[in-house]
Structures are given as structure tokens and as C-alpha cells.
Amino acid sequence: MSYLLPSRLTVVAQAGGVLERFWAAYSAGPHAVQELPARLTSIAAGASSEDVVREAFAQAEGVVLLLTDIEDAQRLAVQLKLRRRQPSIVMRWWDRPANLKPTYRDRLVFNRYTGVNFMTSRADLEANVRPPKGGLVVDNPVLLDQPAALGEDSWHKTMRHTLLALTQPTRTDIFGLAKRNHGAIKLTLATHFYCNQDNIDTVTSWLRDFTTLPAEVLDQIQFVIVDDGSPLKYDIPDVDLNLTWVRIDQDIRWNQAGARNAAMLHARAENVVITDVDHAFPEHTVRWLLAHPIKRRRFYKFWRKMPDGSLIKGHPNIFYLARSRFFQLFGTDEEFAGAYGAEDYRFVKNFKNHGTVQSHLPKAVFCIERQLDREKSYHSLVRDLSFNTGVDTRKRLEIDHFGANYGHSRHNYNFTQTVLLDRMRTPTRMPPLDRGWRQRWWLRQFESLLCSR
């Protein structure tokens, strides 16, 4: 269910009303959301709904959903929602025009703090969202009557669609589309490979080394693997990781630039480590990266720990950087594809030319050079820089004479790609609640005014 929290729905309906009759039929029908516990309580005319509403909000944890066609119940639910630490959703059922005055309090109750306003007919929808002059516009509408889009039982199908959208970020919606939520991902570790020898053990072992990390760490990391058109046939390893595996369909020689652009395209975190497969990242380094989001105008190299235990400066092709900045500056230049080298050097220069500051992470936050079998699980391409010398020289000339916005072809994604796997772990814990986050919006605005990021 939503964000690992159990959800429970309470329906508070007028006895003999449209909502009561609808819910009795819906809950017994094929479109009911079986994973969502629900209880219908009918309130007779003149009776109070207060005890039922308070009981619904009394549970210690979990998401509370309350649906009602009674105004007093809605107003009380909004009050209890604002006092409750855990998430709550208030929903109102309308089978007639609201006819409300646009007072400040009613705007809050019926729009700001009511998440869904169900409308039973298009006429009622029009009357509520386009009321006569002086009336309150009712926001967050859901029209139940959708025969043109959903055919028979459109009321039931629309209710199912809405409840699933509220409680299950990962789902198949009413139109058959897969929906997923990746909000828990804080860090993407992306790499690419080209293997034309015996196997891809170099890659699979790199991934399996991460499976020993604690679950609460793995929940927050996505791994992106880009196969740069390897001629080998292989099986993708069955590992319990947030793993996206992409294959470039064309075998383009030395297409590291394209592979990195593809990796960034599929990254779901703003904070990304883009690396060659011949470097590993220990647990303490990963934890540090999770705790230190990057600023957009900074990018970092890692100190490297060698087999003898010594630390040397960073590899020229391994970075910790912001995904948004990468795309803002057009990524890695694929004009270098087809021949070895220079794309990493020119990538760094492009970042620096646009005012992005490069530095090394603290020495304690290092990566480790791996020992690979370069005869069986690597590639046999020839490294010859001379083919890209002319390209690099021309780009340097363009920059020197015309400024930072030149020197990049901006001619990227010159290939097709196939997502072979896109697997997400089942999260093991909730992120910490922060009810004051929204109230601190003015601090974030002030920071943006003071600091260029």
C-alpha cells in the first residue's frame, strides 16, 4: 500500500442516500479494491456522525481515508486531519450542486484539505466547478459517470481507479497503464560495459558486491547498467536491487559517450555516480553519498584506493554529479563516438566552462580499483587517441573563439535502446515524517535568492 503504511477507508453515509446505496453495491462487486480495508457506517437523519469520524482517526499509524456525504462529518474530518501526524485523506461525495459561499474557511475545508470531491453527474460537476457568480468553486473533482471512457459500471471503475491512485503508487491503472513511484530513490549508481570476450562476470560481480549492503541502504539506491551493444548472449543476474538494465541496439565502437547519456536518461535520482565498471564503492562511501546531496553547480571526483592500500587521485571518467546539470549542459558529446578517448576530458571542460566547480570528495569517501579478468570478461578494442584529435582540437578552437556555448555537438542519442529489465525492490521502511517541510517553503525561497545552485 501507499509508502508502506497500511491504509483504511471509512465511509460515513446518510442512511438511504445515494452514497450508501452505491457503496453497498460497489463493495460487493468485482471492482472493489480488496487490499483496502473499508467500513460503511450509515447515519440516520438527525443523528451525529462525530463518534464514527473520531474513531476513524484514532488509529495510531497508517493512512486514514474518509469518504462522506455529510457536511458536518467532512468538517470534523478536516480538523482531525490537521491534528494528525500520519497522512490522512478526506473525500466528499456530491450528488447535488454544492451551493457554497466562497469564504476563506470553506475554501480550506472543501478545496485545500479535501483531497477528492466525487461528482455523480456531469451536470453536478459543471455546477460545482463553474458555479453561479458568488459561489465557491469546488476543486479536486472526480466525475464518476464516465460511460464514454469506461463503458458499463463506470461509477464503480472510476471509484476503483481513484482509490488505487490514492493508496497504491505501484499499480496498473484503469486504462491498463503501469504506474510506479520512485520517490524513495536518493542515489543512482550508473555504469556501462562492452564485452566481446567470454562472459560478463565483470559486470555481474560488480552488482552482486552491492547485495550485501543493508536493506535500508539498498532501498534508496538505483543501479543503472547500460550494455553498449555487446555481441555476447547472457542472462541478467537475479539480484534484489533497484535495477534498470538497458541495451544499446547498435554496436557502435567506443560509444562511451552514448552509453553515459543513456544511463543518465534512465537515472531516477538527482544525485548520480557515473562510473566505469572497474571501480567498486564500499558501504561507508555509499552511506556518505546518501547523506550528502549534491549541489547542481558542483561535481566531484573520488579518491581511488589501490590494491596496495594507497590512495591516488580520481579517475578522469568517474563523477558524482547532478542529473539536472548533466542534461542542462547537453550531457556527453557523442561526436567522439566511434573512436577512443577525449569525450571525458571535453565533458569536464564543458562543465567548467559553464561555471560548474569540480573538486575531490573527502579522502575517506573513496572508491576501490577492482582486479578484473581482462582476457575473459572485458573487451579487446584498441585504444588509439589519434582518431579523435581533430575533433577535440576543433572543439577547443570553437570554445576559445565563440565561448562556452560552443564546442559541443548537441547531437546525441544516435542509436536505439531497449530496456531489458526495470525491477524495483519492495521497500523495507518508511522515510522519516516531516510535517514542517511545507511550512519552511519561505526558507527555501530565501536560499534560492541568496545562493546560486
Protein backbone atom coordinates (compact mmCIF):
# COMPACT_ATOMS: atom_id res chain seq x y z
CA MET A 1 0.00 0.00 0.00
CA SER A 2 0.98 3.63 -0.03
CA TYR A 3 4.50 4.28 1.31
CA LEU A 4 4.44 1.03 3.34
CA LEU A 5 1.75 2.43 5.63
CA PRO A 6 -1.44 0.38 5.98
CA SER A 7 -4.47 2.23 4.65
CA ARG A 8 -8.04 2.01 5.92
CA LEU A 9 -11.16 3.60 4.48
CA THR A 10 -14.19 4.70 6.48
CA VAL A 11 -17.37 5.58 4.59
CA VAL A 12 -19.77 7.76 6.57
CA ALA A 13 -23.03 7.98 4.61
CA GLN A 14 -26.51 9.34 5.12
CA ALA A 15 -28.93 6.46 5.66
CA GLY A 16 -30.94 5.90 2.49
CA GLY A 17 -28.75 8.25 0.47
CA VAL A 18 -27.05 7.73 -2.90
CA LEU A 19 -23.62 7.11 -1.34
CA GLU A 20 -24.94 4.38 0.96
CA ARG A 21 -26.60 2.55 -1.93
CA PHE A 22 -23.60 2.99 -4.19
CA TRP A 23 -21.11 1.72 -1.64
CA ALA A 24 -23.14 -1.36 -0.81
CA ALA A 25 -23.15 -2.32 -4.50
CA TYR A 26 -19.54 -1.30 -5.16
CA SER A 27 -18.02 -3.16 -2.21
CA ALA A 28 -19.78 -6.37 -3.26
CA GLY A 29 -18.80 -6.04 -6.91
CA PRO A 30 -15.75 -7.04 -8.97
CA HIS A 31 -14.16 -3.57 -8.95
CA ALA A 32 -13.76 -3.20 -5.18
CA VAL A 33 -10.16 -2.71 -4.02
CA GLN A 34 -9.77 -5.84 -1.92
CA GLU A 35 -6.41 -4.73 -0.48
CA LEU A 36 -8.03 -1.66 1.10
CA PRO A 37 -9.99 -2.46 4.29
CA ALA A 38 -13.20 -0.43 4.27
CA ARG A 39 -16.18 0.04 6.59
CA LEU A 40 -19.52 1.64 5.81
CA THR A 41 -21.40 3.40 8.62
CA SER A 42 -24.86 4.79 7.90
CA ILE A 43 -26.01 7.83 9.83
CA ALA A 44 -29.74 8.30 10.30
CA ALA A 45 -31.30 11.71 9.75
CA GLY A 46 -30.72 13.92 12.77
CA ALA A 47 -28.06 11.60 14.28
CA SER A 48 -24.47 12.66 14.91
CA SER A 49 -21.54 11.26 12.95
CA GLU A 50 -18.92 12.61 15.38
CA ASP A 51 -18.10 9.35 17.16
CA VAL A 52 -17.64 7.46 13.88
CA VAL A 53 -15.34 10.11 12.44
CA ARG A 54 -13.25 10.35 15.60
CA GLU A 55 -12.88 6.59 15.73
CA ALA A 56 -11.66 6.54 12.14
CA PHE A 57 -8.84 8.98 13.00
CA ALA A 58 -7.95 7.33 16.31
CA GLN A 59 -5.67 4.62 14.90
CA ALA A 60 -2.04 5.13 15.88
CA GLU A 61 -0.49 4.68 12.42
CA GLY A 62 -1.36 4.23 8.80
CA VAL A 63 -3.16 6.28 6.19
CA VAL A 64 -6.72 7.23 7.13
CA LEU A 65 -9.16 7.74 4.25
CA LEU A 66 -12.63 9.04 4.98
CA LEU A 67 -15.43 9.39 2.43
CA THR A 68 -18.65 11.11 3.39
CA ASP A 69 -21.69 12.87 2.00
CA ILE A 70 -22.36 14.63 5.32
CA GLU A 71 -21.02 18.17 5.67
CA ASP A 72 -20.54 18.03 9.47
CA ALA A 73 -18.57 14.81 9.11
CA GLN A 74 -16.39 16.40 6.44
CA ARG A 75 -15.65 19.48 8.55
CA LEU A 76 -14.74 17.39 11.60
CA ALA A 77 -12.57 15.09 9.46
CA VAL A 78 -10.63 18.10 8.17
CA GLN A 79 -9.99 19.27 11.75
CA LEU A 80 -8.74 15.83 12.79
CA LYS A 81 -6.61 15.54 9.65
CA LEU A 82 -4.77 18.74 10.56
CA ARG A 83 -4.04 17.45 14.08
CA ARG A 84 -2.87 14.01 12.99
CA ARG A 85 0.79 13.33 12.38
CA GLN A 86 0.31 10.44 9.96
CA PRO A 87 -1.13 11.05 6.43
CA SER A 88 -4.90 11.40 6.07
CA ILE A 89 -7.19 11.92 3.08
CA VAL A 90 -10.68 13.43 3.31
CA MET A 91 -13.12 12.80 0.42
CA ARG A 92 -16.57 14.28 -0.17
CA TRP A 93 -19.43 12.79 -2.15
CA TRP A 94 -21.70 15.21 -4.03
CA ASP A 95 -24.94 14.12 -5.70
CA ARG A 96 -26.21 17.69 -5.96
CA PRO A 97 -24.66 21.14 -6.53
CA ALA A 98 -22.72 22.40 -3.52
CA ASN A 99 -24.10 25.97 -3.48
CA LEU A 100 -21.36 27.20 -1.13
CA LYS A 101 -20.21 30.74 -0.45
CA PRO A 102 -16.52 31.47 -1.20
CA THR A 103 -15.49 32.16 2.39
CA TYR A 104 -11.86 31.64 3.40
CA ARG A 105 -12.80 28.84 5.78
CA ASP A 106 -14.86 26.97 3.17
CA ARG A 107 -12.07 27.28 0.62
CA LEU A 108 -9.81 25.48 3.10
CA VAL A 109 -12.34 22.83 4.09
CA PHE A 110 -13.79 21.93 0.68
CA ASN A 111 -10.71 22.52 -1.51
CA ARG A 112 -7.39 22.75 0.29
CA TYR A 113 -7.95 19.98 2.84
CA THR A 114 -10.42 17.79 0.95
CA GLY A 115 -8.39 15.63 -1.40
CA VAL A 116 -11.21 14.35 -3.64
CA ASN A 117 -14.67 15.68 -4.43
CA PHE A 118 -16.69 12.92 -6.12
CA MET A 119 -19.34 14.19 -8.56
CA THR A 120 -22.06 11.79 -9.73
CA SER A 121 -23.12 13.57 -12.93
CA ARG A 122 -21.60 15.93 -15.45
CA ALA A 123 -24.29 18.49 -14.68
CA ASP A 124 -23.30 18.49 -11.00
CA LEU A 125 -19.65 18.71 -11.99
CA GLU A 126 -20.33 21.78 -14.11
CA ALA A 127 -22.37 23.36 -11.31
CA ASN A 128 -19.60 22.76 -8.77
CA VAL A 129 -16.54 23.73 -10.76
CA ARG A 130 -18.29 26.60 -12.60
CA PRO A 131 -20.77 27.86 -10.01
CA PRO A 132 -23.00 30.91 -10.47
CA LYS A 133 -21.34 34.23 -9.69
CA GLY A 134 -20.61 34.45 -5.98
CA GLY A 135 -20.44 30.68 -5.48
CA LEU A 136 -17.47 28.59 -4.30
CA VAL A 137 -15.58 26.63 -6.93
CA VAL A 138 -15.23 23.04 -5.68
CA ASP A 139 -11.74 21.81 -6.53
CA ASN A 140 -10.17 18.33 -6.86
CA PRO A 141 -13.16 16.84 -8.72
CA VAL A 142 -13.63 13.21 -9.81
CA LEU A 143 -16.53 12.57 -12.18
CA LEU A 144 -17.91 9.07 -11.54
CA ASP A 145 -20.16 8.96 -14.60
CA GLN A 146 -17.70 8.13 -17.44
CA PRO A 147 -19.53 5.82 -19.88
CA ALA A 148 -17.69 7.12 -22.96
CA ALA A 149 -14.27 6.25 -21.49
CA LEU A 150 -15.09 3.23 -19.32
CA GLY A 151 -18.33 1.74 -20.62
CA GLU A 152 -20.65 -0.05 -18.22
CA ASP A 153 -20.12 0.23 -14.47
CA SER A 154 -18.17 3.45 -14.99
CA TRP A 155 -19.05 4.64 -11.47
CA HIS A 156 -17.50 1.51 -9.96
CA LYS A 157 -14.49 1.58 -12.28
CA THR A 158 -13.80 5.25 -11.56
CA MET A 159 -14.03 4.65 -7.81
CA ARG A 160 -11.55 1.79 -8.10
CA HIS A 161 -9.22 3.90 -10.24
CA THR A 162 -9.27 6.75 -7.69
CA LEU A 163 -8.77 4.58 -4.60
CA LEU A 164 -5.86 2.74 -6.22
CA ALA A 165 -4.28 6.06 -7.22
CA LEU A 166 -4.57 7.24 -3.61
CA THR A 167 -3.20 4.11 -1.95
CA GLN A 168 -1.00 2.21 -4.41
CA PRO A 169 1.70 4.22 -6.22
CA THR A 170 2.77 0.98 -7.95
CA ARG A 171 -0.22 -0.36 -9.85
CA THR A 172 -1.89 -0.92 -13.19
CA ASP A 173 -4.46 1.82 -13.74
CA ILE A 174 -7.96 1.57 -15.20
CA PHE A 175 -6.55 2.14 -18.71
CA GLY A 176 -4.05 -0.71 -18.38
CA LEU A 177 -1.02 1.55 -17.90
CA ALA A 178 1.70 0.57 -15.43
CA LYS A 179 2.31 3.20 -12.74
CA ARG A 180 5.31 3.29 -10.43
CA ASN A 181 6.66 5.69 -7.85
CA HIS A 182 10.40 6.12 -7.34
CA GLY A 183 10.35 8.85 -4.72
CA ALA A 184 12.43 6.78 -2.29
CA ILE A 185 15.43 6.72 -4.66
CA LYS A 186 18.09 9.17 -3.46
CA LEU A 187 21.14 7.93 -5.36
CA THR A 188 21.75 6.32 -8.75
CA LEU A 189 24.90 4.29 -9.38
CA ALA A 190 25.28 4.04 -13.14
CA THR A 191 27.80 2.15 -15.22
CA HIS A 192 28.19 0.85 -18.74
CA PHE A 193 30.08 -2.01 -20.34
CA TYR A 194 31.07 -3.56 -23.63
CA CYS A 195 32.10 -7.21 -23.51
CA ASN A 196 33.20 -9.12 -26.61
CA GLN A 197 35.09 -11.97 -24.91
CA ASP A 198 33.72 -14.96 -22.97
CA ASN A 199 31.28 -13.57 -20.38
CA ILE A 200 30.06 -10.51 -18.44
CA ASP A 201 31.24 -11.68 -15.00
CA THR A 202 32.96 -8.31 -14.57
CA VAL A 203 29.53 -6.66 -14.54
CA THR A 204 27.55 -9.26 -12.61
CA SER A 205 30.16 -9.43 -9.84
CA TRP A 206 30.10 -5.60 -9.57
CA LEU A 207 26.36 -5.77 -8.93
CA ARG A 208 26.48 -8.72 -6.55
CA ASP A 209 29.00 -6.93 -4.33
CA PHE A 210 26.27 -4.41 -3.50
CA THR A 211 23.73 -7.05 -2.43
CA THR A 212 25.47 -7.33 0.94
CA LEU A 213 24.52 -3.75 1.86
CA PRO A 214 21.76 -3.32 4.47
CA ALA A 215 18.19 -3.21 3.19
CA GLU A 216 17.62 0.37 4.33
CA VAL A 217 20.57 1.43 2.15
CA LEU A 218 19.54 -0.57 -0.92
CA ASP A 219 16.00 0.82 -0.72
CA GLN A 220 17.40 4.27 -1.58
CA ILE A 221 19.73 3.29 -4.45
CA GLN A 222 19.01 2.60 -8.09
CA PHE A 223 21.53 0.77 -10.25
CA VAL A 224 21.61 1.50 -13.98
CA ILE A 225 23.54 -0.82 -16.27
CA VAL A 226 23.98 0.08 -19.94
CA ASP A 227 25.20 -2.61 -22.33
CA ASP A 228 26.89 -0.70 -25.13
CA GLY A 229 25.94 -3.19 -27.86
CA SER A 230 27.94 -6.21 -26.65
CA PRO A 231 27.87 -9.15 -29.09
CA LEU A 232 27.57 -11.69 -26.23
CA LYS A 233 24.44 -13.54 -25.18
CA TYR A 234 23.96 -13.57 -21.41
CA ASP A 235 21.44 -13.73 -18.58
CA ILE A 236 20.78 -10.68 -16.45
CA PRO A 237 21.63 -11.58 -12.83
CA ASP A 238 18.72 -12.17 -10.44
CA VAL A 239 19.64 -9.73 -7.66
CA ASP A 240 17.37 -7.96 -5.18
CA LEU A 241 18.29 -4.45 -6.26
CA ASN A 242 16.52 -1.48 -7.79
CA LEU A 243 17.95 -2.36 -11.17
CA THR A 244 17.47 -0.89 -14.64
CA TRP A 245 19.31 -2.77 -17.39
CA VAL A 246 19.45 -1.11 -20.83
CA ARG A 247 20.94 -2.38 -24.06
CA ILE A 248 22.03 -0.12 -26.91
CA ASP A 249 20.85 -1.95 -30.01
CA GLN A 250 23.72 -0.93 -32.30
CA ASP A 251 27.33 -1.97 -31.78
CA ILE A 252 28.99 1.44 -32.11
CA ARG A 253 32.73 1.34 -31.41
CA TRP A 254 33.82 3.29 -28.35
CA ASN A 255 30.33 4.63 -27.68
CA GLN A 256 31.05 5.54 -24.07
CA ALA A 257 29.51 8.97 -24.61
CA GLY A 258 26.26 7.46 -25.82
CA ALA A 259 26.22 4.85 -23.07
CA ARG A 260 26.60 7.54 -20.41
CA ASN A 261 23.83 9.61 -21.94
CA ALA A 262 21.60 6.54 -21.93
CA ALA A 263 22.47 5.81 -18.30
CA MET A 264 21.57 9.33 -17.25
CA LEU A 265 18.31 9.15 -19.18
CA HIS A 266 17.20 6.20 -17.03
CA ALA A 267 18.53 7.51 -13.70
CA ARG A 268 15.75 8.22 -11.20
CA ALA A 269 17.80 10.19 -8.68
CA GLU A 270 19.10 13.72 -8.95
CA ASN A 271 22.37 12.59 -7.33
CA VAL A 272 24.25 10.25 -9.66
CA VAL A 273 27.55 8.42 -9.63
CA ILE A 274 28.58 7.67 -13.20
CA THR A 275 31.47 5.21 -13.24
CA ASP A 276 33.37 2.62 -15.20
CA VAL A 277 32.77 -0.95 -14.10
CA ASP A 278 36.36 -1.37 -12.91
CA HIS A 279 35.73 0.56 -9.67
CA ALA A 280 33.79 -0.53 -6.58
CA PHE A 281 32.16 1.60 -3.89
CA PRO A 282 32.31 0.44 -0.25
CA GLU A 283 29.38 0.77 2.15
CA HIS A 284 30.71 3.79 4.02
CA THR A 285 31.13 5.67 0.74
CA VAL A 286 27.57 4.86 -0.36
CA ARG A 287 26.18 5.95 3.00
CA TRP A 288 28.09 9.24 2.79
CA LEU A 289 26.69 9.90 -0.68
CA LEU A 290 23.14 9.25 0.54
CA ALA A 291 23.65 11.74 3.35
CA HIS A 292 25.21 14.47 1.18
CA PRO A 293 23.06 15.53 -1.78
CA ILE A 294 25.00 17.34 -4.43
CA LYS A 295 24.55 20.98 -5.42
CA ARG A 296 23.85 21.49 -9.09
CA ARG A 297 26.87 23.67 -9.79
CA ARG A 298 29.34 21.24 -8.22
CA PHE A 299 30.69 17.90 -9.42
CA TYR A 300 33.19 15.64 -7.78
CA LYS A 301 35.83 13.02 -8.35
CA PHE A 302 36.62 10.16 -5.97
CA TRP A 303 39.95 9.31 -4.44
CA ARG A 304 40.85 5.79 -5.51
CA LYS A 305 42.12 3.07 -3.20
CA MET A 306 44.65 0.86 -4.97
CA PRO A 307 45.33 -2.85 -4.26
CA ASP A 308 48.34 -1.91 -2.12
CA GLY A 309 46.13 0.30 0.08
CA SER A 310 47.42 3.64 -1.22
CA LEU A 311 45.10 6.47 -2.26
CA ILE A 312 45.55 8.20 -5.59
CA LYS A 313 43.61 11.00 -7.26
CA GLY A 314 40.40 10.42 -9.13
CA HIS A 315 39.91 8.57 -12.38
CA PRO A 316 39.13 11.01 -15.23
CA ASN A 317 35.89 9.21 -16.09
CA ILE A 318 34.19 8.76 -12.68
CA PHE A 319 31.98 11.54 -11.31
CA TYR A 320 29.46 12.36 -8.63
CA LEU A 321 27.15 14.95 -10.16
CA ALA A 322 23.60 16.28 -10.51
CA ARG A 323 21.44 14.70 -13.21
CA SER A 324 19.70 18.01 -13.94
CA ARG A 325 23.03 19.77 -14.55
CA PHE A 326 24.14 16.94 -16.82
CA PHE A 327 21.14 17.47 -19.10
CA GLN A 328 21.26 21.25 -18.82
CA LEU A 329 24.72 21.13 -20.40
CA PHE A 330 23.73 18.51 -23.02
CA GLY A 331 25.48 15.51 -21.46
CA THR A 332 28.45 13.78 -23.03
CA ASP A 333 29.26 14.73 -26.62
CA GLU A 334 28.63 11.77 -28.93
CA GLU A 335 30.67 13.28 -31.74
CA PHE A 336 33.56 11.40 -30.12
CA ALA A 337 31.80 8.03 -30.52
CA GLY A 338 33.43 5.63 -32.97
CA ALA A 339 36.96 6.22 -31.71
CA TYR A 340 38.69 6.12 -28.34
CA GLY A 341 39.11 8.97 -25.91
CA ALA A 342 38.70 12.71 -25.32
CA GLU A 343 34.95 12.65 -24.56
CA ASP A 344 35.60 12.55 -20.79
CA TYR A 345 38.12 15.41 -20.91
CA ARG A 346 35.82 17.56 -23.05
CA PHE A 347 32.87 16.73 -20.76
CA VAL A 348 34.78 18.15 -17.78
CA LYS A 349 35.78 21.23 -19.74
CA ASN A 350 32.19 21.87 -20.77
CA PHE A 351 31.06 21.69 -17.14
CA LYS A 352 33.83 24.05 -16.01
CA ASN A 353 33.24 26.47 -18.88
CA HIS A 354 29.67 26.91 -17.63
CA GLY A 355 30.77 27.68 -14.08
CA THR A 356 30.45 24.22 -12.57
CA VAL A 357 33.10 23.67 -9.90
CA GLN A 358 34.98 20.38 -9.80
CA SER A 359 36.76 19.07 -6.72
CA HIS A 360 37.58 15.81 -4.95
CA LEU A 361 35.37 14.29 -2.30
CA PRO A 362 36.99 13.79 1.12
CA LYS A 363 39.67 11.09 1.12
CA ALA A 364 37.55 8.94 3.42
CA VAL A 365 34.91 8.76 0.67
CA PHE A 366 36.89 6.66 -1.78
CA CYS A 367 36.25 4.09 -4.47
CA ILE A 368 38.29 0.93 -4.91
CA GLU A 369 40.04 -0.19 -8.08
CA ARG A 370 38.87 -3.69 -8.92
CA GLN A 371 41.01 -6.52 -10.21
CA LEU A 372 39.40 -7.72 -13.45
CA ASP A 373 39.90 -10.61 -15.80
CA ARG A 374 40.69 -8.60 -18.92
CA GLU A 375 41.17 -11.74 -21.01
CA LYS A 376 37.72 -13.31 -20.49
CA SER A 377 35.32 -10.64 -19.21
CA TYR A 378 36.27 -7.36 -20.82
CA HIS A 379 36.79 -6.09 -24.38
CA SER A 380 39.55 -6.19 -26.95
CA LEU A 381 39.06 -2.78 -28.57
CA VAL A 382 42.21 -0.84 -29.49
CA ARG A 383 42.84 2.39 -27.58
CA ASP A 384 44.10 4.95 -30.08
CA LEU A 385 43.55 8.64 -29.30
CA SER A 386 44.68 9.85 -32.70
CA PHE A 387 41.29 9.42 -34.40
CA ASN A 388 39.65 11.97 -32.07
CA THR A 389 42.46 14.54 -32.07
CA GLY A 390 40.96 16.55 -34.92
CA VAL A 391 37.51 16.57 -33.31
CA ASP A 392 38.89 17.68 -29.95
CA THR A 393 41.11 20.38 -31.48
CA ARG A 394 38.20 21.87 -33.40
CA LYS A 395 36.03 21.94 -30.27
CA ARG A 396 38.76 23.69 -28.30
CA LEU A 397 39.02 26.24 -31.11
CA GLU A 398 35.25 26.85 -31.08
CA ILE A 399 35.25 27.43 -27.34
CA ASP A 400 38.26 29.74 -27.42
CA HIS A 401 36.73 31.94 -30.14
CA PHE A 402 33.00 31.77 -29.52
CA GLY A 403 32.52 30.99 -25.84
CA ALA A 404 31.11 28.32 -23.53
CA ASN A 405 28.01 27.52 -25.59
CA TYR A 406 30.12 26.17 -28.42
CA GLY A 407 32.36 23.12 -28.55
CA HIS A 408 29.53 20.59 -28.03
CA SER A 409 27.77 18.98 -30.99
CA ARG A 410 24.48 18.51 -29.09
CA HIS A 411 23.88 15.64 -31.50
CA ASN A 412 23.16 12.87 -29.00
CA TYR A 413 21.21 9.60 -28.82
CA ASN A 414 22.29 8.43 -32.25
CA PHE A 415 21.10 4.90 -31.55
CA THR A 416 18.07 2.97 -30.36
CA GLN A 417 17.93 1.30 -26.98
CA THR A 418 15.93 -1.41 -25.27
CA VAL A 419 15.12 -1.64 -21.57
CA LEU A 420 15.76 -5.31 -20.80
CA LEU A 421 14.89 -5.07 -17.10
CA ASP A 422 13.38 -2.47 -14.80
CA ARG A 423 13.00 -4.04 -11.37
CA MET A 424 12.24 -2.31 -8.08
CA ARG A 425 12.72 -3.72 -4.60
CA THR A 426 9.88 -3.82 -2.12
CA PRO A 427 10.89 -1.05 0.35
CA THR A 428 11.56 -2.14 3.89
CA ARG A 429 10.91 1.05 5.81
CA MET A 430 9.28 4.45 5.67
CA PRO A 431 11.17 7.69 5.21
CA PRO A 432 11.03 9.93 8.29
CA LEU A 433 7.93 12.10 8.52
CA ASP A 434 8.50 15.85 8.25
CA ARG A 435 5.27 17.74 8.82
CA GLY A 436 7.09 21.06 8.93
CA TRP A 437 8.62 20.73 5.48
CA ARG A 438 5.88 22.67 3.69
CA GLN A 439 5.90 25.46 6.26
CA ARG A 440 9.59 26.05 5.56
CA TRP A 441 8.95 26.98 1.94
CA TRP A 442 9.99 30.58 2.53
CA LEU A 443 13.41 29.45 3.76
CA ARG A 444 13.95 27.56 0.51
CA GLN A 445 12.88 30.61 -1.47
CA PHE A 446 15.28 32.77 0.53
CA GLU A 447 18.12 30.31 -0.06
CA SER A 448 17.46 30.41 -3.82
CA LEU A 449 17.68 34.18 -3.79
CA LEU A 450 20.97 34.16 -1.88
CA CYS A 451 22.71 31.16 -3.38
CA SER A 452 23.22 30.18 -6.99
CA ARG A 453 22.95 26.42 -7.21
